[in-house]
Amino acid sequence: MSRWDTEERPDWIIVLDEQCKATSQGRVATKLKYSSSAIGQIRKGIYRGAYDRVELAVRGAFMSGKVDCPALGTIAAQLCVSHMRNARTPLLSNSHRVRMLKACRDCPRFTRETE
């Protein structure tokens, strides 16, 4: 059963579909740093991961979405997603990544989803 069978399709899913139709699902996936199959599952509403992170990526890449980062201030939503991904696999020799690791893990948007 699709998630979109029981819920109204949100605006960011409509934008995601439009972007895939305008270019290709593969190009959109590359821009969002997700696999093409994950984007297909998201569009169908059968994705098993966290939709909130995908929503941030779509809003940042295609809808000029911004978020308030506790460490950096107002940043693009897609950059927030990138920092969250890096926080799961920290490079402790880089001081900026260590700072973001701490900030992301304390942020309410942070999830430990695996992709």
C-alpha atoms as a PDB file:
ATOM      1  CA  MET A   1       0.000   0.000   0.000  1.00  0.00           C
ATOM      2  CA  SER A   2       1.313   3.415  -0.966  1.00  0.00           C
ATOM      3  CA  ARG A   3       1.696   6.193   1.564  1.00  0.00           C
ATOM      4  CA  TRP A   4      -0.022   8.496  -0.944  1.00  0.00           C
ATOM      5  CA  ASP A   5      -3.129   6.260  -0.927  1.00  0.00           C
ATOM      6  CA  THR A   6      -3.890   7.376   2.628  1.00  0.00           C
ATOM      7  CA  GLU A   7      -2.353  10.884   2.640  1.00  0.00           C
ATOM      8  CA  GLU A   8      -2.651  13.885   0.377  1.00  0.00           C
ATOM      9  CA  ARG A   9       0.449  14.312  -1.793  1.00  0.00           C
ATOM     10  CA  PRO A  10       2.515  17.116  -0.259  1.00  0.00           C
ATOM     11  CA  ASP A  11       3.798  20.023  -2.345  1.00  0.00           C
ATOM     12  CA  TRP A  12       7.392  18.765  -2.250  1.00  0.00           C
ATOM     13  CA  ILE A  13       6.384  15.399  -3.765  1.00  0.00           C
ATOM     14  CA  ILE A  14       4.594  17.224  -6.582  1.00  0.00           C
ATOM     15  CA  VAL A  15       7.757  19.285  -7.198  1.00  0.00           C
ATOM     16  CA  LEU A  16       9.875  16.100  -7.084  1.00  0.00           C
ATOM     17  CA  ASP A  17       7.624  14.497  -9.725  1.00  0.00           C
ATOM     18  CA  GLU A  18       7.791  17.612 -11.906  1.00  0.00           C
ATOM     19  CA  GLN A  19      11.591  17.704 -11.717  1.00  0.00           C
ATOM     20  CA  CYS A  20      11.832  14.014 -12.640  1.00  0.00           C
ATOM     21  CA  LYS A  21       9.528  14.558 -15.624  1.00  0.00           C
ATOM     22  CA  ALA A  22      11.409  17.687 -16.734  1.00  0.00           C
ATOM     23  CA  THR A  23      14.844  16.024 -16.672  1.00  0.00           C
ATOM     24  CA  SER A  24      15.090  12.438 -15.467  1.00  0.00           C
ATOM     25  CA  GLN A  25      14.751  10.525 -12.235  1.00  0.00           C
ATOM     26  CA  GLY A  26      18.470   9.707 -12.368  1.00  0.00           C
ATOM     27  CA  ARG A  27      19.503  13.355 -12.650  1.00  0.00           C
ATOM     28  CA  VAL A  28      17.216  14.361  -9.803  1.00  0.00           C
ATOM     29  CA  ALA A  29      18.582  11.506  -7.691  1.00  0.00           C
ATOM     30  CA  THR A  30      22.155  12.636  -8.349  1.00  0.00           C
ATOM     31  CA  LYS A  31      21.341  16.212  -7.386  1.00  0.00           C
ATOM     32  CA  LEU A  32      19.644  15.082  -4.161  1.00  0.00           C
ATOM     33  CA  LYS A  33      22.384  12.511  -3.428  1.00  0.00           C
ATOM     34  CA  TYR A  34      19.924   9.625  -3.294  1.00  0.00           C
ATOM     35  CA  SER A  35      19.799   6.561  -5.511  1.00  0.00           C
ATOM     36  CA  SER A  36      17.431   6.545  -8.452  1.00  0.00           C
ATOM     37  CA  SER A  37      15.575   3.596  -6.957  1.00  0.00           C
ATOM     38  CA  ALA A  38      15.096   5.496  -3.671  1.00  0.00           C
ATOM     39  CA  ILE A  39      13.629   8.450  -5.600  1.00  0.00           C
ATOM     40  CA  GLY A  40      11.269   6.061  -7.389  1.00  0.00           C
ATOM     41  CA  GLN A  41      10.133   4.583  -4.082  1.00  0.00           C
ATOM     42  CA  ILE A  42       9.636   8.051  -2.602  1.00  0.00           C
ATOM     43  CA  ARG A  43       7.537   9.121  -5.578  1.00  0.00           C
ATOM     44  CA  LYS A  44       5.401   5.993  -5.249  1.00  0.00           C
ATOM     45  CA  GLY A  45       5.069   6.429  -1.493  1.00  0.00           C
ATOM     46  CA  ILE A  46       6.680   3.091  -0.621  1.00  0.00           C
ATOM     47  CA  TYR A  47      10.035   4.354   0.672  1.00  0.00           C
ATOM     48  CA  ARG A  48      11.025   2.717   3.950  1.00  0.00           C
ATOM     49  CA  GLY A  49      13.338   5.528   5.072  1.00  0.00           C
ATOM     50  CA  ALA A  50      12.539   8.834   6.735  1.00  0.00           C
ATOM     51  CA  TYR A  51      10.627  11.183   4.480  1.00  0.00           C
ATOM     52  CA  ASP A  52      11.531  14.293   6.501  1.00  0.00           C
ATOM     53  CA  ARG A  53      15.135  14.225   5.314  1.00  0.00           C
ATOM     54  CA  VAL A  54      14.075  13.735   1.693  1.00  0.00           C
ATOM     55  CA  GLU A  55      11.672  16.631   2.056  1.00  0.00           C
ATOM     56  CA  LEU A  56      14.516  18.863   3.276  1.00  0.00           C
ATOM     57  CA  ALA A  57      16.652  17.850   0.296  1.00  0.00           C
ATOM     58  CA  VAL A  58      13.858  18.527  -2.225  1.00  0.00           C
ATOM     59  CA  ARG A  59      12.982  21.862  -0.652  1.00  0.00           C
ATOM     60  CA  GLY A  60      16.640  22.886  -0.629  1.00  0.00           C
ATOM     61  CA  ALA A  61      17.386  21.802  -4.179  1.00  0.00           C
ATOM     62  CA  PHE A  62      14.193  22.796  -5.989  1.00  0.00           C
ATOM     63  CA  MET A  63      12.106  25.036  -3.733  1.00  0.00           C
ATOM     64  CA  SER A  64      14.660  27.438  -2.206  1.00  0.00           C
ATOM     65  CA  GLY A  65      14.041  25.934   1.216  1.00  0.00           C
ATOM     66  CA  LYS A  66      16.016  27.256   4.184  1.00  0.00           C
ATOM     67  CA  VAL A  67      16.474  25.975   7.728  1.00  0.00           C
ATOM     68  CA  ASP A  68      17.897  27.486  10.899  1.00  0.00           C
ATOM     69  CA  CYS A  69      21.064  25.573  11.748  1.00  0.00           C
ATOM     70  CA  PRO A  70      22.169  25.774  15.385  1.00  0.00           C
ATOM     71  CA  ALA A  71      25.806  26.030  14.266  1.00  0.00           C
ATOM     72  CA  LEU A  72      25.696  27.954  10.987  1.00  0.00           C
ATOM     73  CA  GLY A  73      22.553  30.073  11.121  1.00  0.00           C
ATOM     74  CA  THR A  74      20.214  30.098   8.112  1.00  0.00           C
ATOM     75  CA  ILE A  75      21.365  27.628   5.447  1.00  0.00           C
ATOM     76  CA  ALA A  76      19.884  25.849   2.429  1.00  0.00           C
ATOM     77  CA  ALA A  77      17.868  22.799   3.429  1.00  0.00           C
ATOM     78  CA  GLN A  78      19.927  20.619   1.102  1.00  0.00           C
ATOM     79  CA  LEU A  79      23.130  21.693   2.907  1.00  0.00           C
ATOM     80  CA  CYS A  80      21.476  20.678   6.188  1.00  0.00           C
ATOM     81  CA  VAL A  81      20.867  17.190   4.777  1.00  0.00           C
ATOM     82  CA  SER A  82      24.485  16.991   3.639  1.00  0.00           C
ATOM     83  CA  HIS A  83      25.751  17.868   7.119  1.00  0.00           C
ATOM     84  CA  MET A  84      23.405  15.290   8.681  1.00  0.00           C
ATOM     85  CA  ARG A  85      24.797  12.608   6.387  1.00  0.00           C
ATOM     86  CA  ASN A  86      28.354  13.559   7.347  1.00  0.00           C
ATOM     87  CA  ALA A  87      27.430  13.473  11.042  1.00  0.00           C
ATOM     88  CA  ARG A  88      26.654   9.766  10.703  1.00  0.00           C
ATOM     89  CA  THR A  89      30.178   9.049   9.458  1.00  0.00           C
ATOM     90  CA  PRO A  90      32.402  11.697  11.003  1.00  0.00           C
ATOM     91  CA  LEU A  91      35.872  12.572   9.769  1.00  0.00           C
ATOM     92  CA  LEU A  92      37.343  13.533  13.120  1.00  0.00           C
ATOM     93  CA  SER A  93      40.504  15.061  11.677  1.00  0.00           C
ATOM     94  CA  ASN A  94      38.464  17.927  10.194  1.00  0.00           C
ATOM     95  CA  SER A  95      37.520  20.562  12.804  1.00  0.00           C
ATOM     96  CA  HIS A  96      34.501  21.813  10.834  1.00  0.00           C
ATOM     97  CA  ARG A  97      33.094  18.269  10.570  1.00  0.00           C
ATOM     98  CA  VAL A  98      33.631  17.709  14.296  1.00  0.00           C
ATOM     99  CA  ARG A  99      31.746  20.951  15.019  1.00  0.00           C
ATOM    100  CA  MET A 100      28.934  19.912  12.681  1.00  0.00           C
ATOM    101  CA  LEU A 101      28.872  16.414  14.163  1.00  0.00           C
ATOM    102  CA  LYS A 102      28.078  17.888  17.585  1.00  0.00           C
ATOM    103  CA  ALA A 103      25.612  20.454  16.233  1.00  0.00           C
ATOM    104  CA  CYS A 104      23.748  17.975  14.010  1.00  0.00           C
ATOM    105  CA  ARG A 105      23.387  15.346  16.695  1.00  0.00           C
ATOM    106  CA  ASP A 106      21.775  17.927  19.002  1.00  0.00           C
ATOM    107  CA  CYS A 107      19.450  19.222  16.264  1.00  0.00           C
ATOM    108  CA  PRO A 108      15.783  18.116  16.255  1.00  0.00           C
ATOM    109  CA  ARG A 109      15.983  17.495  12.479  1.00  0.00           C
ATOM    110  CA  PHE A 110      18.779  14.936  12.878  1.00  0.00           C
ATOM    111  CA  THR A 111      17.843  11.316  12.244  1.00  0.00           C
ATOM    112  CA  ARG A 112      20.045   8.255  12.195  1.00  0.00           C
ATOM    113  CA  GLU A 113      18.337   6.870   9.113  1.00  0.00           C
ATOM    114  CA  THR A 114      20.365   4.598   6.885  1.00  0.00           C
ATOM    115  CA  GLU A 115      19.986   4.982   3.146  1.00  0.00           C
END
